[in-house]
Amino acid sequence: MASENFDEEGLLKVIKTFELSEKITILNWNWNNYSDSIKQAHELMSEGQKLFLEISEYEQRMGSNLSMYQKNKINEAVEDLGKLIPYMKNKIKPSESLKNLVD
């Protein structure tokens, strides 16, 4: 690992992914305590979409300079984030989905 390149930007991508995971976990745990949990979920999904674009751009830009260690850490963080999404999906009831479409 000593010969691999490490940079702050890669670490920041992992940190941002963990921060988003934390926000989604808090929303999942406190779903019924939010005044508009559906809106909050939309905002977090938008944040996630932007983050995934940033990560893709970073990986493309870094190319072969991206160490396998950093690439694995980013991938692990993204995979962990993805594991939280089914829990959020389980919180959304069809009636809420229909209500929001009608409003």
C-alpha atoms as a PDB file:
ATOM      1  CA  MET A   1       0.000   0.000   0.000  1.00  0.00           C
ATOM      2  CA  ALA A   2       2.940   2.370   0.482  1.00  0.00           C
ATOM      3  CA  SER A   3       3.343   2.955  -3.265  1.00  0.00           C
ATOM      4  CA  GLU A   4      -0.335   3.768  -3.829  1.00  0.00           C
ATOM      5  CA  ASN A   5      -1.567   7.335  -4.145  1.00  0.00           C
ATOM      6  CA  PHE A   6      -3.880   8.690  -1.461  1.00  0.00           C
ATOM      7  CA  ASP A   7      -5.615  12.014  -1.761  1.00  0.00           C
ATOM      8  CA  GLU A   8      -7.892  14.118   0.375  1.00  0.00           C
ATOM      9  CA  GLU A   9     -10.627  14.299  -2.249  1.00  0.00           C
ATOM     10  CA  GLY A  10     -11.173  10.528  -2.145  1.00  0.00           C
ATOM     11  CA  LEU A  11     -11.407  10.637   1.633  1.00  0.00           C
ATOM     12  CA  LEU A  12     -13.916  13.477   1.406  1.00  0.00           C
ATOM     13  CA  LYS A  13     -16.084  11.376  -0.932  1.00  0.00           C
ATOM     14  CA  VAL A  14     -16.147   8.592   1.663  1.00  0.00           C
ATOM     15  CA  ILE A  15     -16.966  11.085   4.426  1.00  0.00           C
ATOM     16  CA  LYS A  16     -19.811  12.630   2.391  1.00  0.00           C
ATOM     17  CA  THR A  17     -21.203   9.152   1.742  1.00  0.00           C
ATOM     18  CA  PHE A  18     -21.140   8.325   5.447  1.00  0.00           C
ATOM     19  CA  GLU A  19     -22.809  11.657   6.262  1.00  0.00           C
ATOM     20  CA  LEU A  20     -25.610  10.882   3.810  1.00  0.00           C
ATOM     21  CA  SER A  21     -25.931   7.396   5.313  1.00  0.00           C
ATOM     22  CA  GLU A  22     -26.290   8.986   8.734  1.00  0.00           C
ATOM     23  CA  LYS A  23     -29.058  11.321   7.512  1.00  0.00           C
ATOM     24  CA  ILE A  24     -30.964   8.434   5.903  1.00  0.00           C
ATOM     25  CA  THR A  25     -30.590   6.308   9.036  1.00  0.00           C
ATOM     26  CA  ILE A  26     -31.922   9.131  11.198  1.00  0.00           C
ATOM     27  CA  LEU A  27     -34.859   9.616   8.828  1.00  0.00           C
ATOM     28  CA  ASN A  28     -35.601   5.881   8.892  1.00  0.00           C
ATOM     29  CA  TRP A  29     -35.490   5.736  12.683  1.00  0.00           C
ATOM     30  CA  ASN A  30     -37.624   8.847  13.120  1.00  0.00           C
ATOM     31  CA  TRP A  31     -39.890   8.529  10.080  1.00  0.00           C
ATOM     32  CA  ASN A  32     -43.093   9.266  11.987  1.00  0.00           C
ATOM     33  CA  ASN A  33     -41.557  12.214  13.852  1.00  0.00           C
ATOM     34  CA  TYR A  34     -40.887  14.240  10.697  1.00  0.00           C
ATOM     35  CA  SER A  35     -43.632  16.611   9.624  1.00  0.00           C
ATOM     36  CA  ASP A  36     -42.981  15.696   5.985  1.00  0.00           C
ATOM     37  CA  SER A  37     -40.856  12.570   5.814  1.00  0.00           C
ATOM     38  CA  ILE A  38     -41.614  12.057   2.112  1.00  0.00           C
ATOM     39  CA  LYS A  39     -40.213  15.492   1.281  1.00  0.00           C
ATOM     40  CA  GLN A  40     -37.150  14.780   3.431  1.00  0.00           C
ATOM     41  CA  ALA A  41     -36.647  11.466   1.600  1.00  0.00           C
ATOM     42  CA  HIS A  42     -36.811  13.276  -1.756  1.00  0.00           C
ATOM     43  CA  GLU A  43     -34.188  15.762  -0.586  1.00  0.00           C
ATOM     44  CA  LEU A  44     -31.879  12.979   0.593  1.00  0.00           C
ATOM     45  CA  MET A  45     -32.291  11.079  -2.677  1.00  0.00           C
ATOM     46  CA  SER A  46     -31.401  14.256  -4.564  1.00  0.00           C
ATOM     47  CA  GLU A  47     -28.334  14.660  -2.369  1.00  0.00           C
ATOM     48  CA  GLY A  48     -27.418  11.036  -3.086  1.00  0.00           C
ATOM     49  CA  GLN A  49     -27.796  11.509  -6.824  1.00  0.00           C
ATOM     50  CA  LYS A  50     -25.438  14.499  -6.744  1.00  0.00           C
ATOM     51  CA  LEU A  51     -22.954  12.547  -4.643  1.00  0.00           C
ATOM     52  CA  PHE A  52     -22.980   9.592  -7.042  1.00  0.00           C
ATOM     53  CA  LEU A  53     -22.303  11.975  -9.927  1.00  0.00           C
ATOM     54  CA  GLU A  54     -19.406  13.508  -7.981  1.00  0.00           C
ATOM     55  CA  ILE A  55     -17.973  10.061  -7.281  1.00  0.00           C
ATOM     56  CA  SER A  56     -18.274   9.025 -10.922  1.00  0.00           C
ATOM     57  CA  GLU A  57     -16.601  12.235 -12.066  1.00  0.00           C
ATOM     58  CA  TYR A  58     -13.846  11.776  -9.489  1.00  0.00           C
ATOM     59  CA  GLU A  59     -13.207   8.178 -10.542  1.00  0.00           C
ATOM     60  CA  GLN A  60     -13.131   9.187 -14.227  1.00  0.00           C
ATOM     61  CA  ARG A  61     -10.781  12.095 -13.575  1.00  0.00           C
ATOM     62  CA  MET A  62      -8.407  10.136 -11.344  1.00  0.00           C
ATOM     63  CA  GLY A  63      -8.280   7.093 -13.610  1.00  0.00           C
ATOM     64  CA  SER A  64      -5.268   4.921 -12.885  1.00  0.00           C
ATOM     65  CA  ASN A  65      -4.060   7.340 -10.201  1.00  0.00           C
ATOM     66  CA  LEU A  66      -6.895   6.214  -7.955  1.00  0.00           C
ATOM     67  CA  SER A  67      -5.493   3.664  -5.548  1.00  0.00           C
ATOM     68  CA  MET A  68      -7.325   0.365  -5.176  1.00  0.00           C
ATOM     69  CA  TYR A  69      -7.568   1.059  -1.456  1.00  0.00           C
ATOM     70  CA  GLN A  70      -9.371   4.363  -2.029  1.00  0.00           C
ATOM     71  CA  LYS A  71     -11.555   2.889  -4.751  1.00  0.00           C
ATOM     72  CA  ASN A  72     -12.536   0.023  -2.435  1.00  0.00           C
ATOM     73  CA  LYS A  73     -13.290   2.395   0.455  1.00  0.00           C
ATOM     74  CA  ILE A  74     -15.535   4.531  -1.760  1.00  0.00           C
ATOM     75  CA  ASN A  75     -17.272   1.441  -3.154  1.00  0.00           C
ATOM     76  CA  GLU A  76     -17.819   0.031   0.346  1.00  0.00           C
ATOM     77  CA  ALA A  77     -19.312   3.321   1.545  1.00  0.00           C
ATOM     78  CA  VAL A  78     -21.624   3.492  -1.484  1.00  0.00           C
ATOM     79  CA  GLU A  79     -22.699  -0.139  -0.997  1.00  0.00           C
ATOM     80  CA  ASP A  80     -23.456   0.532   2.670  1.00  0.00           C
ATOM     81  CA  LEU A  81     -25.513   3.562   1.662  1.00  0.00           C
ATOM     82  CA  GLY A  82     -27.423   1.435  -0.825  1.00  0.00           C
ATOM     83  CA  LYS A  83     -28.334  -1.022   1.936  1.00  0.00           C
ATOM     84  CA  LEU A  84     -30.291   1.741   3.705  1.00  0.00           C
ATOM     85  CA  ILE A  85     -32.604   2.463   0.779  1.00  0.00           C
ATOM     86  CA  PRO A  86     -34.832  -0.642   1.193  1.00  0.00           C
ATOM     87  CA  TYR A  87     -35.546   0.402   4.776  1.00  0.00           C
ATOM     88  CA  MET A  88     -36.726   3.791   3.538  1.00  0.00           C
ATOM     89  CA  LYS A  89     -38.823   2.174   0.814  1.00  0.00           C
ATOM     90  CA  ASN A  90     -40.545   0.090   3.489  1.00  0.00           C
ATOM     91  CA  LYS A  91     -41.569   3.284   5.307  1.00  0.00           C
ATOM     92  CA  ILE A  92     -43.414   4.667   2.276  1.00  0.00           C
ATOM     93  CA  LYS A  93     -47.027   3.590   2.185  1.00  0.00           C
ATOM     94  CA  PRO A  94     -48.992   3.489  -1.093  1.00  0.00           C
ATOM     95  CA  SER A  95     -51.530   5.942   0.340  1.00  0.00           C
ATOM     96  CA  GLU A  96     -48.749   8.488   0.899  1.00  0.00           C
ATOM     97  CA  SER A  97     -47.527   8.000  -2.656  1.00  0.00           C
ATOM     98  CA  LEU A  98     -51.030   8.483  -4.066  1.00  0.00           C
ATOM     99  CA  LYS A  99     -51.730  11.451  -1.812  1.00  0.00           C
ATOM    100  CA  ASN A 100     -48.618  13.229  -3.037  1.00  0.00           C
ATOM    101  CA  LEU A 101     -49.531  12.604  -6.672  1.00  0.00           C
ATOM    102  CA  VAL A 102     -52.999  14.082  -6.137  1.00  0.00           C
ATOM    103  CA  ASP A 103     -51.817  17.160  -4.189  1.00  0.00           C
END
